[in-house]
Amino acid sequence: MKLFIQIPCLNEEETLPLVINDLPNKIDGIDDIQVLVIDDGSTDNTLKTAENLGVRHIVKLGTNRGLAYAFMSGLNYCLEHGADIVVNTDGDNQYKGEDIARLVQPILDDKADIVVGSRPIMKHKEFSLGKKILQLLGSMTLRLISKTKIKDAPSGFRAMSRKACFQTYVYSRFSYTMETLIQAGNSNMRVRSVDVRVNQKTRKSRLFRNSFEHVSKSSATIMNMFVLYRPGRFFSIIASLFLIPALILGIRFIYLVFITPESDPERTYIPSLILLAIFSFIGIFSIFLGIIGELIKQQRKLMEDINQNLKELKFGK
């Protein structure tokens, strides 16, 4: 059983030695452990540091392509080099390398395809109360959309089986963490959480500068994934927001005109009828968008299956 531990890096020359030196040299059930560094256009000495640390597997992206692109580049490299399990960890030394054994165990036991490391959010000393609430709300929202039971959706500390790597494709450029879970849940992959520990914070996040940016980017990603993977449900909700008021206006119009016409014989109800027509049009249009979205979803699923088959032919099952 061959394990690749991939580390996407952007200017991590100071923390990379901490990450690599903390990685396990031996795990029960694993015969070979390899380390991969993905350099996402670093402008410091990250590459030189990785080479000095004896890292043999390095992917050089040349320019900054974003975390999601780096993540997928790493998966493809690991598949090409025969990985049976891929573990992704951050280059800022956020997670304890010793807990990699916890991540891979459910896959070794054939109980999961993807395992996500769940941080102690409520006990995390470096998380503000606001961030803790945002993390919990974000994970709760994603569980509803992805149909999984993940406790810490934004966690980048995760293990994936070879099968899961073949099935994974990331559309987002912001981050892979939420999209891969939504995709996994809607592809009937087995997803589990395990509790992991964290190290002391070494630097600020480079994905967002403050909580507002975090919320806005994460919300946009979740919304985009909702439309992409569950368009029928999304547009049905939108349609109901307009069709229900339209129905109420229609019932009100019938009641006032046909049941109690003597109440105000000179009243025309034109504004209400215009509003009724607008709401009805938007609601019906949303239903059609949902139908089109479902058709596109089926086409995308077909393309993902083709992509998976091409990967299996290229890298071998």
C-alpha atoms as a PDB file:
ATOM      1  CA  MET A   1       0.000   0.000   0.000  1.00  0.00           C
ATOM      2  CA  LYS A   2       1.571   3.262  -1.165  1.00  0.00           C
ATOM      3  CA  LEU A   3       0.799   6.560   0.559  1.00  0.00           C
ATOM      4  CA  PHE A   4       1.555   9.993  -0.866  1.00  0.00           C
ATOM      5  CA  ILE A   5       1.454  13.001   1.460  1.00  0.00           C
ATOM      6  CA  GLN A   6       1.005  16.096  -0.665  1.00  0.00           C
ATOM      7  CA  ILE A   7       1.736  19.620   0.564  1.00  0.00           C
ATOM      8  CA  PRO A   8       0.546  22.576  -1.559  1.00  0.00           C
ATOM      9  CA  CYS A   9       2.910  25.476  -0.855  1.00  0.00           C
ATOM     10  CA  LEU A  10       3.032  29.194  -1.505  1.00  0.00           C
ATOM     11  CA  ASN A  11       6.017  30.879   0.151  1.00  0.00           C
ATOM     12  CA  GLU A  12       6.359  28.341   2.955  1.00  0.00           C
ATOM     13  CA  GLU A  13      10.155  28.258   3.364  1.00  0.00           C
ATOM     14  CA  GLU A  14       9.904  28.952   7.110  1.00  0.00           C
ATOM     15  CA  THR A  15       7.173  26.444   7.973  1.00  0.00           C
ATOM     16  CA  LEU A  16       7.885  23.672   5.442  1.00  0.00           C
ATOM     17  CA  PRO A  17      10.685  22.137   7.566  1.00  0.00           C
ATOM     18  CA  LEU A  18       8.268  21.932  10.511  1.00  0.00           C
ATOM     19  CA  VAL A  19       5.668  20.171   8.352  1.00  0.00           C
ATOM     20  CA  ILE A  20       8.017  17.638   6.764  1.00  0.00           C
ATOM     21  CA  ASN A  21       9.928  16.824   9.934  1.00  0.00           C
ATOM     22  CA  ASP A  22       6.607  16.117  11.669  1.00  0.00           C
ATOM     23  CA  LEU A  23       5.436  13.611   9.053  1.00  0.00           C
ATOM     24  CA  PRO A  24       5.369   9.938  10.074  1.00  0.00           C
ATOM     25  CA  ASN A  25       8.002   7.571   8.698  1.00  0.00           C
ATOM     26  CA  LYS A  26       5.935   4.468   9.353  1.00  0.00           C
ATOM     27  CA  ILE A  27       2.215   3.685   9.504  1.00  0.00           C
ATOM     28  CA  ASP A  28       0.694   0.270  10.110  1.00  0.00           C
ATOM     29  CA  GLY A  29      -0.783  -1.041   6.869  1.00  0.00           C
ATOM     30  CA  ILE A  30       1.306   1.290   4.684  1.00  0.00           C
ATOM     31  CA  ASP A  31       4.338  -0.137   2.883  1.00  0.00           C
ATOM     32  CA  ASP A  32       5.667   3.025   1.255  1.00  0.00           C
ATOM     33  CA  ILE A  33       5.324   6.680   2.313  1.00  0.00           C
ATOM     34  CA  GLN A  34       6.241   9.407  -0.180  1.00  0.00           C
ATOM     35  CA  VAL A  35       6.154  13.184   0.223  1.00  0.00           C
ATOM     36  CA  LEU A  36       5.081  15.539  -2.566  1.00  0.00           C
ATOM     37  CA  VAL A  37       5.515  19.315  -2.502  1.00  0.00           C
ATOM     38  CA  ILE A  38       3.398  21.345  -4.945  1.00  0.00           C
ATOM     39  CA  ASP A  39       4.947  24.769  -5.447  1.00  0.00           C
ATOM     40  CA  ASP A  40       2.213  27.226  -6.383  1.00  0.00           C
ATOM     41  CA  GLY A  41       4.492  29.929  -7.765  1.00  0.00           C
ATOM     42  CA  SER A  42       6.466  30.692  -4.591  1.00  0.00           C
ATOM     43  CA  THR A  43       8.728  33.733  -4.717  1.00  0.00           C
ATOM     44  CA  ASP A  44      10.842  32.764  -1.705  1.00  0.00           C
ATOM     45  CA  ASN A  45      13.098  29.726  -1.172  1.00  0.00           C
ATOM     46  CA  THR A  46      10.334  27.151  -0.783  1.00  0.00           C
ATOM     47  CA  LEU A  47      11.656  25.012  -3.647  1.00  0.00           C
ATOM     48  CA  LYS A  48      15.231  25.110  -2.358  1.00  0.00           C
ATOM     49  CA  THR A  49      14.025  24.289   1.143  1.00  0.00           C
ATOM     50  CA  ALA A  50      12.084  21.266  -0.130  1.00  0.00           C
ATOM     51  CA  GLU A  51      15.133  20.004  -2.009  1.00  0.00           C
ATOM     52  CA  ASN A  52      17.380  20.493   1.023  1.00  0.00           C
ATOM     53  CA  LEU A  53      14.902  18.497   3.109  1.00  0.00           C
ATOM     54  CA  GLY A  54      15.288  15.569   0.721  1.00  0.00           C
ATOM     55  CA  VAL A  55      11.881  15.800  -0.948  1.00  0.00           C
ATOM     56  CA  ARG A  56      12.103  13.785  -4.175  1.00  0.00           C
ATOM     57  CA  HIS A  57       8.661  14.579  -5.546  1.00  0.00           C
ATOM     58  CA  ILE A  58       8.125  18.233  -6.462  1.00  0.00           C
ATOM     59  CA  VAL A  59       5.530  19.735  -8.816  1.00  0.00           C
ATOM     60  CA  LYS A  60       6.438  23.229 -10.026  1.00  0.00           C
ATOM     61  CA  LEU A  61       3.428  25.208 -11.239  1.00  0.00           C
ATOM     62  CA  GLY A  62       5.573  28.183 -12.229  1.00  0.00           C
ATOM     63  CA  THR A  63       3.003  30.842 -11.369  1.00  0.00           C
ATOM     64  CA  ASN A  64       0.360  31.180  -8.681  1.00  0.00           C
ATOM     65  CA  ARG A  65      -2.603  29.097  -9.930  1.00  0.00           C
ATOM     66  CA  GLY A  66      -4.555  28.942  -6.687  1.00  0.00           C
ATOM     67  CA  LEU A  67      -5.042  26.307  -4.008  1.00  0.00           C
ATOM     68  CA  ALA A  68      -7.675  24.324  -5.912  1.00  0.00           C
ATOM     69  CA  TYR A  69      -5.464  23.996  -9.000  1.00  0.00           C
ATOM     70  CA  ALA A  70      -2.472  23.013  -6.860  1.00  0.00           C
ATOM     71  CA  PHE A  71      -4.569  20.391  -5.090  1.00  0.00           C
ATOM     72  CA  MET A  72      -5.705  18.785  -8.356  1.00  0.00           C
ATOM     73  CA  SER A  73      -2.198  18.909  -9.818  1.00  0.00           C
ATOM     74  CA  GLY A  74      -0.991  17.037  -6.768  1.00  0.00           C
ATOM     75  CA  LEU A  75      -3.689  14.371  -7.077  1.00  0.00           C
ATOM     76  CA  ASN A  76      -2.815  13.722 -10.711  1.00  0.00           C
ATOM     77  CA  TYR A  77       0.879  13.451  -9.877  1.00  0.00           C
ATOM     78  CA  CYS A  78       0.165  11.018  -7.046  1.00  0.00           C
ATOM     79  CA  LEU A  79      -2.014   8.851  -9.289  1.00  0.00           C
ATOM     80  CA  GLU A  80       0.672   8.843 -11.962  1.00  0.00           C
ATOM     81  CA  HIS A  81       3.197   7.591  -9.422  1.00  0.00           C
ATOM     82  CA  GLY A  82       1.055   4.771  -8.113  1.00  0.00           C
ATOM     83  CA  ALA A  83      -0.504   6.212  -4.960  1.00  0.00           C
ATOM     84  CA  ASP A  84      -3.103   4.018  -3.270  1.00  0.00           C
ATOM     85  CA  ILE A  85      -3.942   6.732  -0.712  1.00  0.00           C
ATOM     86  CA  VAL A  86      -3.312  10.478  -0.898  1.00  0.00           C
ATOM     87  CA  VAL A  87      -3.194  12.664   2.198  1.00  0.00           C
ATOM     88  CA  ASN A  88      -3.354  16.425   1.779  1.00  0.00           C
ATOM     89  CA  THR A  89      -1.957  18.670   4.491  1.00  0.00           C
ATOM     90  CA  ASP A  90      -1.239  22.387   4.649  1.00  0.00           C
ATOM     91  CA  GLY A  91       2.188  23.939   4.315  1.00  0.00           C
ATOM     92  CA  ASP A  92       1.708  26.224   7.323  1.00  0.00           C
ATOM     93  CA  ASN A  93       2.106  23.369   9.837  1.00  0.00           C
ATOM     94  CA  GLN A  94      -1.462  23.722  11.061  1.00  0.00           C
ATOM     95  CA  TYR A  95      -2.032  19.988  11.539  1.00  0.00           C
ATOM     96  CA  LYS A  96      -0.081  17.378  13.487  1.00  0.00           C
ATOM     97  CA  GLY A  97       1.605  14.904  11.155  1.00  0.00           C
ATOM     98  CA  GLU A  98       1.167  12.108  13.666  1.00  0.00           C
ATOM     99  CA  ASP A  99      -2.593  12.209  13.018  1.00  0.00           C
ATOM    100  CA  ILE A 100      -2.119  11.072   9.417  1.00  0.00           C
ATOM    101  CA  ALA A 101      -2.381   7.535  10.758  1.00  0.00           C
ATOM    102  CA  ARG A 102      -5.896   8.395  12.011  1.00  0.00           C
ATOM    103  CA  LEU A 103      -6.867   9.752   8.598  1.00  0.00           C
ATOM    104  CA  VAL A 104      -5.809   6.733   6.570  1.00  0.00           C
ATOM    105  CA  GLN A 105      -7.167   4.051   8.917  1.00  0.00           C
ATOM    106  CA  PRO A 106     -10.828   4.162   7.715  1.00  0.00           C
ATOM    107  CA  ILE A 107      -9.570   3.819   4.124  1.00  0.00           C
ATOM    108  CA  LEU A 108      -7.310   0.917   5.079  1.00  0.00           C
ATOM    109  CA  ASP A 109     -10.326  -0.695   6.762  1.00  0.00           C
ATOM    110  CA  ASP A 110     -12.377  -0.099   3.577  1.00  0.00           C
ATOM    111  CA  LYS A 111     -14.905   1.990   5.512  1.00  0.00           C
ATOM    112  CA  ALA A 112     -14.395   5.280   3.671  1.00  0.00           C
ATOM    113  CA  ASP A 113     -13.284   6.792   0.368  1.00  0.00           C
ATOM    114  CA  ILE A 114     -12.564  10.243   1.822  1.00  0.00           C
ATOM    115  CA  VAL A 115     -11.634  11.034   5.423  1.00  0.00           C
ATOM    116  CA  VAL A 116     -11.610  14.627   6.682  1.00  0.00           C
ATOM    117  CA  GLY A 117      -9.672  15.693   9.756  1.00  0.00           C
ATOM    118  CA  SER A 118     -11.990  17.521  12.141  1.00  0.00           C
ATOM    119  CA  ARG A 119     -10.301  20.238  14.183  1.00  0.00           C
ATOM    120  CA  PRO A 120     -11.411  20.983  17.768  1.00  0.00           C
ATOM    121  CA  ILE A 121     -13.232  24.138  16.657  1.00  0.00           C
ATOM    122  CA  MET A 122     -14.929  25.050  19.944  1.00  0.00           C
ATOM    123  CA  LYS A 123     -11.740  24.354  21.922  1.00  0.00           C
ATOM    124  CA  HIS A 124      -9.427  26.050  19.437  1.00  0.00           C
ATOM    125  CA  LYS A 125      -7.722  28.829  21.394  1.00  0.00           C
ATOM    126  CA  GLU A 126      -6.756  30.828  18.301  1.00  0.00           C
ATOM    127  CA  PHE A 127     -10.274  30.904  16.842  1.00  0.00           C
ATOM    128  CA  SER A 128     -12.370  33.891  17.855  1.00  0.00           C
ATOM    129  CA  LEU A 129     -15.978  33.332  18.908  1.00  0.00           C
ATOM    130  CA  GLY A 130     -17.136  34.771  15.599  1.00  0.00           C
ATOM    131  CA  LYS A 131     -14.909  32.430  13.601  1.00  0.00           C
ATOM    132  CA  LYS A 132     -16.075  29.438  15.626  1.00  0.00           C
ATOM    133  CA  ILE A 133     -19.702  30.300  14.870  1.00  0.00           C
ATOM    134  CA  LEU A 134     -18.927  30.814  11.177  1.00  0.00           C
ATOM    135  CA  GLN A 135     -17.108  27.485  10.988  1.00  0.00           C
ATOM    136  CA  LEU A 136     -19.999  25.643  12.602  1.00  0.00           C
ATOM    137  CA  LEU A 137     -22.644  27.347  10.446  1.00  0.00           C
ATOM    138  CA  GLY A 138     -20.618  26.771   7.291  1.00  0.00           C
ATOM    139  CA  SER A 139     -20.150  23.083   8.063  1.00  0.00           C
ATOM    140  CA  MET A 140     -23.840  22.708   8.901  1.00  0.00           C
ATOM    141  CA  THR A 141     -24.873  24.319   5.608  1.00  0.00           C
ATOM    142  CA  LEU A 142     -22.484  22.172   3.630  1.00  0.00           C
ATOM    143  CA  ARG A 143     -23.746  19.000   5.317  1.00  0.00           C
ATOM    144  CA  LEU A 144     -27.242  19.808   4.077  1.00  0.00           C
ATOM    145  CA  ILE A 145     -26.065  20.380   0.503  1.00  0.00           C
ATOM    146  CA  SER A 146     -23.514  17.570   0.299  1.00  0.00           C
ATOM    147  CA  LYS A 147     -25.569  14.933   2.152  1.00  0.00           C
ATOM    148  CA  THR A 148     -22.544  14.094   4.296  1.00  0.00           C
ATOM    149  CA  LYS A 149     -21.938  14.190   8.056  1.00  0.00           C
ATOM    150  CA  ILE A 150     -18.667  16.120   8.048  1.00  0.00           C
ATOM    151  CA  LYS A 151     -18.026  18.135  11.208  1.00  0.00           C
ATOM    152  CA  ASP A 152     -15.301  20.429   9.832  1.00  0.00           C
ATOM    153  CA  ALA A 153     -15.966  21.090   6.142  1.00  0.00           C
ATOM    154  CA  PRO A 154     -13.203  23.721   5.551  1.00  0.00           C
ATOM    155  CA  SER A 155     -10.482  21.405   6.877  1.00  0.00           C
ATOM    156  CA  GLY A 156      -7.777  20.782   4.280  1.00  0.00           C
ATOM    157  CA  PHE A 157      -6.356  17.860   6.255  1.00  0.00           C
ATOM    158  CA  ARG A 158      -7.863  14.852   4.517  1.00  0.00           C
ATOM    159  CA  ALA A 159      -7.124  11.428   3.071  1.00  0.00           C
ATOM    160  CA  MET A 160      -8.467  10.082  -0.219  1.00  0.00           C
ATOM    161  CA  SER A 161      -8.449   6.603  -1.680  1.00  0.00           C
ATOM    162  CA  ARG A 162      -7.205   6.024  -5.215  1.00  0.00           C
ATOM    163  CA  LYS A 163     -10.810   5.527  -6.313  1.00  0.00           C
ATOM    164  CA  ALA A 164     -11.826   8.866  -4.800  1.00  0.00           C
ATOM    165  CA  CYS A 165      -8.917  10.613  -6.542  1.00  0.00           C
ATOM    166  CA  PHE A 166     -10.123   9.271  -9.890  1.00  0.00           C
ATOM    167  CA  GLN A 167     -13.647  10.586  -9.237  1.00  0.00           C
ATOM    168  CA  THR A 168     -12.635  14.039  -7.976  1.00  0.00           C
ATOM    169  CA  TYR A 169     -12.702  17.095 -10.200  1.00  0.00           C
ATOM    170  CA  VAL A 170     -12.591  20.672  -8.890  1.00  0.00           C
ATOM    171  CA  TYR A 171     -14.245  23.543 -10.764  1.00  0.00           C
ATOM    172  CA  SER A 172     -13.636  26.271  -8.175  1.00  0.00           C
ATOM    173  CA  ARG A 173     -10.466  28.366  -8.144  1.00  0.00           C
ATOM    174  CA  PHE A 174     -10.887  29.567  -4.546  1.00  0.00           C
ATOM    175  CA  SER A 175     -10.580  26.312  -2.617  1.00  0.00           C
ATOM    176  CA  TYR A 176     -11.183  22.599  -3.050  1.00  0.00           C
ATOM    177  CA  THR A 177     -12.375  21.788   0.479  1.00  0.00           C
ATOM    178  CA  MET A 178     -16.108  22.417   0.154  1.00  0.00           C
ATOM    179  CA  GLU A 179     -16.533  21.489  -3.495  1.00  0.00           C
ATOM    180  CA  THR A 180     -14.906  18.071  -3.140  1.00  0.00           C
ATOM    181  CA  LEU A 181     -17.247  17.226  -0.257  1.00  0.00           C
ATOM    182  CA  ILE A 182     -20.339  18.313  -2.182  1.00  0.00           C
ATOM    183  CA  GLN A 183     -19.147  16.325  -5.174  1.00  0.00           C
ATOM    184  CA  ALA A 184     -18.363  13.283  -3.021  1.00  0.00           C
ATOM    185  CA  GLY A 185     -21.743  13.349  -1.295  1.00  0.00           C
ATOM    186  CA  ASN A 186     -23.611  13.644  -4.583  1.00  0.00           C
ATOM    187  CA  SER A 187     -21.480  10.862  -6.118  1.00  0.00           C
ATOM    188  CA  ASN A 188     -22.300   8.435  -3.304  1.00  0.00           C
ATOM    189  CA  MET A 189     -18.724   8.265  -2.054  1.00  0.00           C
ATOM    190  CA  ARG A 190     -18.217   7.220   1.551  1.00  0.00           C
ATOM    191  CA  VAL A 191     -17.098  10.267   3.545  1.00  0.00           C
ATOM    192  CA  ARG A 192     -16.093  10.203   7.206  1.00  0.00           C
ATOM    193  CA  SER A 193     -14.614  12.527   9.816  1.00  0.00           C
ATOM    194  CA  VAL A 194     -11.946  11.797  12.392  1.00  0.00           C
ATOM    195  CA  ASP A 195     -10.827  14.100  15.175  1.00  0.00           C
ATOM    196  CA  VAL A 196      -7.354  15.581  14.715  1.00  0.00           C
ATOM    197  CA  ARG A 197      -5.152  17.977  16.643  1.00  0.00           C
ATOM    198  CA  VAL A 198      -3.657  21.289  15.544  1.00  0.00           C
ATOM    199  CA  ASN A 199      -0.365  23.062  16.110  1.00  0.00           C
ATOM    200  CA  GLN A 200       0.153  26.643  17.160  1.00  0.00           C
ATOM    201  CA  LYS A 201      -0.684  29.147  14.422  1.00  0.00           C
ATOM    202  CA  THR A 202       2.336  30.170  12.344  1.00  0.00           C
ATOM    203  CA  ARG A 203       0.829  32.778  10.013  1.00  0.00           C
ATOM    204  CA  LYS A 204      -2.407  34.373   8.843  1.00  0.00           C
ATOM    205  CA  SER A 205      -4.530  32.686   6.212  1.00  0.00           C
ATOM    206  CA  ARG A 206      -3.741  33.608   2.620  1.00  0.00           C
ATOM    207  CA  LEU A 207      -7.169  32.558   1.330  1.00  0.00           C
ATOM    208  CA  PHE A 208      -8.928  35.483   3.002  1.00  0.00           C
ATOM    209  CA  ARG A 209      -7.930  38.631   4.868  1.00  0.00           C
ATOM    210  CA  ASN A 210     -10.798  38.864   7.329  1.00  0.00           C
ATOM    211  CA  SER A 211     -14.003  37.157   8.442  1.00  0.00           C
ATOM    212  CA  PHE A 212     -16.163  39.145   6.004  1.00  0.00           C
ATOM    213  CA  GLU A 213     -14.071  38.004   3.028  1.00  0.00           C
ATOM    214  CA  HIS A 214     -14.118  34.455   4.367  1.00  0.00           C
ATOM    215  CA  VAL A 215     -17.916  34.476   4.626  1.00  0.00           C
ATOM    216  CA  SER A 216     -18.419  36.084   1.206  1.00  0.00           C
ATOM    217  CA  LYS A 217     -16.051  33.720  -0.628  1.00  0.00           C
ATOM    218  CA  SER A 218     -17.288  30.626   1.181  1.00  0.00           C
ATOM    219  CA  SER A 219     -20.937  31.596   0.624  1.00  0.00           C
ATOM    220  CA  ALA A 220     -20.298  32.212  -3.069  1.00  0.00           C
ATOM    221  CA  THR A 221     -18.584  28.836  -3.393  1.00  0.00           C
ATOM    222  CA  ILE A 222     -21.405  27.001  -1.596  1.00  0.00           C
ATOM    223  CA  MET A 223     -24.004  28.797  -3.737  1.00  0.00           C
ATOM    224  CA  ASN A 224     -22.159  27.966  -6.956  1.00  0.00           C
ATOM    225  CA  MET A 225     -21.816  24.333  -5.923  1.00  0.00           C
ATOM    226  CA  PHE A 226     -25.500  24.195  -4.976  1.00  0.00           C
ATOM    227  CA  VAL A 227     -26.433  25.409  -8.467  1.00  0.00           C
ATOM    228  CA  LEU A 228     -23.893  23.083 -10.095  1.00  0.00           C
ATOM    229  CA  TYR A 229     -24.695  19.868  -8.251  1.00  0.00           C
ATOM    230  CA  ARG A 230     -28.364  20.327  -7.232  1.00  0.00           C
ATOM    231  CA  PRO A 231     -29.876  22.737  -9.763  1.00  0.00           C
ATOM    232  CA  GLY A 232     -33.372  21.246  -9.511  1.00  0.00           C
ATOM    233  CA  ARG A 233     -33.528  21.832  -5.772  1.00  0.00           C
ATOM    234  CA  PHE A 234     -31.975  25.304  -6.033  1.00  0.00           C
ATOM    235  CA  PHE A 235     -34.332  26.636  -8.706  1.00  0.00           C
ATOM    236  CA  SER A 236     -37.328  24.941  -7.069  1.00  0.00           C
ATOM    237  CA  ILE A 237     -36.632  27.015  -3.956  1.00  0.00           C
ATOM    238  CA  ILE A 238     -36.326  30.168  -6.071  1.00  0.00           C
ATOM    239  CA  ALA A 239     -39.553  29.312  -7.919  1.00  0.00           C
ATOM    240  CA  SER A 240     -41.462  28.736  -4.684  1.00  0.00           C
ATOM    241  CA  LEU A 241     -40.469  32.185  -3.404  1.00  0.00           C
ATOM    242  CA  PHE A 242     -42.407  33.692  -6.323  1.00  0.00           C
ATOM    243  CA  LEU A 243     -45.118  31.145  -7.070  1.00  0.00           C
ATOM    244  CA  ILE A 244     -46.459  31.045  -3.507  1.00  0.00           C
ATOM    245  CA  PRO A 245     -47.030  34.847  -3.395  1.00  0.00           C
ATOM    246  CA  ALA A 246     -48.499  34.594  -6.916  1.00  0.00           C
ATOM    247  CA  LEU A 247     -50.926  31.933  -5.695  1.00  0.00           C
ATOM    248  CA  ILE A 248     -51.914  34.086  -2.732  1.00  0.00           C
ATOM    249  CA  LEU A 249     -52.525  37.071  -5.030  1.00  0.00           C
ATOM    250  CA  GLY A 250     -54.555  34.884  -7.384  1.00  0.00           C
ATOM    251  CA  ILE A 251     -56.751  33.532  -4.587  1.00  0.00           C
ATOM    252  CA  ARG A 252     -57.176  37.074  -3.242  1.00  0.00           C
ATOM    253  CA  PHE A 253     -58.223  38.323  -6.702  1.00  0.00           C
ATOM    254  CA  ILE A 254     -60.778  35.512  -7.167  1.00  0.00           C
ATOM    255  CA  TYR A 255     -62.188  36.110  -3.688  1.00  0.00           C
ATOM    256  CA  LEU A 256     -62.569  39.869  -4.144  1.00  0.00           C
ATOM    257  CA  VAL A 257     -63.911  39.765  -7.702  1.00  0.00           C
ATOM    258  CA  PHE A 258     -66.109  36.668  -7.799  1.00  0.00           C
ATOM    259  CA  ILE A 259     -67.052  35.956  -4.180  1.00  0.00           C
ATOM    260  CA  THR A 260     -67.514  39.492  -2.824  1.00  0.00           C
ATOM    261  CA  PRO A 261     -67.920  41.620  -6.000  1.00  0.00           C
ATOM    262  CA  GLU A 262     -70.258  44.081  -4.320  1.00  0.00           C
ATOM    263  CA  SER A 263     -67.530  45.233  -1.862  1.00  0.00           C
ATOM    264  CA  ASP A 264     -65.945  47.670  -4.343  1.00  0.00           C
ATOM    265  CA  PRO A 265     -67.408  47.500  -7.869  1.00  0.00           C
ATOM    266  CA  GLU A 266     -65.202  50.294  -9.239  1.00  0.00           C
ATOM    267  CA  ARG A 267     -61.917  48.741  -8.142  1.00  0.00           C
ATOM    268  CA  THR A 268     -59.817  47.358 -11.080  1.00  0.00           C
ATOM    269  CA  TYR A 269     -57.081  45.381  -9.203  1.00  0.00           C
ATOM    270  CA  ILE A 270     -54.648  46.118 -12.051  1.00  0.00           C
ATOM    271  CA  PRO A 271     -51.567  46.589  -9.795  1.00  0.00           C
ATOM    272  CA  SER A 272     -52.238  43.242  -8.107  1.00  0.00           C
ATOM    273  CA  LEU A 273     -52.704  41.533 -11.475  1.00  0.00           C
ATOM    274  CA  ILE A 274     -49.435  43.008 -12.783  1.00  0.00           C
ATOM    275  CA  LEU A 275     -47.620  41.779  -9.672  1.00  0.00           C
ATOM    276  CA  LEU A 276     -49.302  38.386 -10.059  1.00  0.00           C
ATOM    277  CA  ALA A 277     -48.118  38.150 -13.652  1.00  0.00           C
ATOM    278  CA  ILE A 278     -44.544  39.133 -12.747  1.00  0.00           C
ATOM    279  CA  PHE A 279     -44.325  36.636  -9.889  1.00  0.00           C
ATOM    280  CA  SER A 280     -45.841  33.870 -12.029  1.00  0.00           C
ATOM    281  CA  PHE A 281     -43.438  34.537 -14.896  1.00  0.00           C
ATOM    282  CA  ILE A 282     -40.358  34.500 -12.648  1.00  0.00           C
ATOM    283  CA  GLY A 283     -41.541  31.351 -10.868  1.00  0.00           C
ATOM    284  CA  ILE A 284     -42.269  29.430 -14.074  1.00  0.00           C
ATOM    285  CA  PHE A 285     -39.025  30.687 -15.628  1.00  0.00           C
ATOM    286  CA  SER A 286     -37.129  29.400 -12.568  1.00  0.00           C
ATOM    287  CA  ILE A 287     -38.729  25.972 -13.018  1.00  0.00           C
ATOM    288  CA  PHE A 288     -37.520  25.881 -16.615  1.00  0.00           C
ATOM    289  CA  LEU A 289     -34.028  26.905 -15.455  1.00  0.00           C
ATOM    290  CA  GLY A 290     -34.118  24.026 -12.982  1.00  0.00           C
ATOM    291  CA  ILE A 291     -35.030  21.578 -15.745  1.00  0.00           C
ATOM    292  CA  ILE A 292     -32.231  22.891 -17.962  1.00  0.00           C
ATOM    293  CA  GLY A 293     -29.852  22.744 -14.995  1.00  0.00           C
ATOM    294  CA  GLU A 294     -30.729  19.094 -14.377  1.00  0.00           C
ATOM    295  CA  LEU A 295     -30.051  18.291 -18.042  1.00  0.00           C
ATOM    296  CA  ILE A 296     -26.690  20.084 -17.842  1.00  0.00           C
ATOM    297  CA  LYS A 297     -25.970  18.215 -14.604  1.00  0.00           C
ATOM    298  CA  GLN A 298     -26.451  14.899 -16.387  1.00  0.00           C
ATOM    299  CA  GLN A 299     -24.121  16.011 -19.160  1.00  0.00           C
ATOM    300  CA  ARG A 300     -21.523  17.136 -16.625  1.00  0.00           C
ATOM    301  CA  LYS A 301     -21.811  13.817 -14.790  1.00  0.00           C
ATOM    302  CA  LEU A 302     -21.209  12.033 -18.087  1.00  0.00           C
ATOM    303  CA  MET A 303     -18.104  14.168 -18.701  1.00  0.00           C
ATOM    304  CA  GLU A 304     -16.867  13.421 -15.177  1.00  0.00           C
ATOM    305  CA  ASP A 305     -17.311   9.698 -15.837  1.00  0.00           C
ATOM    306  CA  ILE A 306     -15.372  10.040 -19.081  1.00  0.00           C
ATOM    307  CA  ASN A 307     -12.660  11.978 -17.232  1.00  0.00           C
ATOM    308  CA  GLN A 308     -12.510   9.244 -14.587  1.00  0.00           C
ATOM    309  CA  ASN A 309     -12.190   6.527 -17.241  1.00  0.00           C
ATOM    310  CA  LEU A 310      -9.443   8.464 -19.024  1.00  0.00           C
ATOM    311  CA  LYS A 311      -7.537   8.799 -15.742  1.00  0.00           C
ATOM    312  CA  GLU A 312      -7.886   5.090 -15.079  1.00  0.00           C
ATOM    313  CA  LEU A 313      -6.589   4.301 -18.566  1.00  0.00           C
ATOM    314  CA  LYS A 314      -3.711   6.754 -18.181  1.00  0.00           C
ATOM    315  CA  PHE A 315      -2.661   5.943 -14.617  1.00  0.00           C
ATOM    316  CA  GLY A 316      -4.079   2.429 -14.200  1.00  0.00           C
ATOM    317  CA  LYS A 317      -6.612   1.303 -11.648  1.00  0.00           C
END
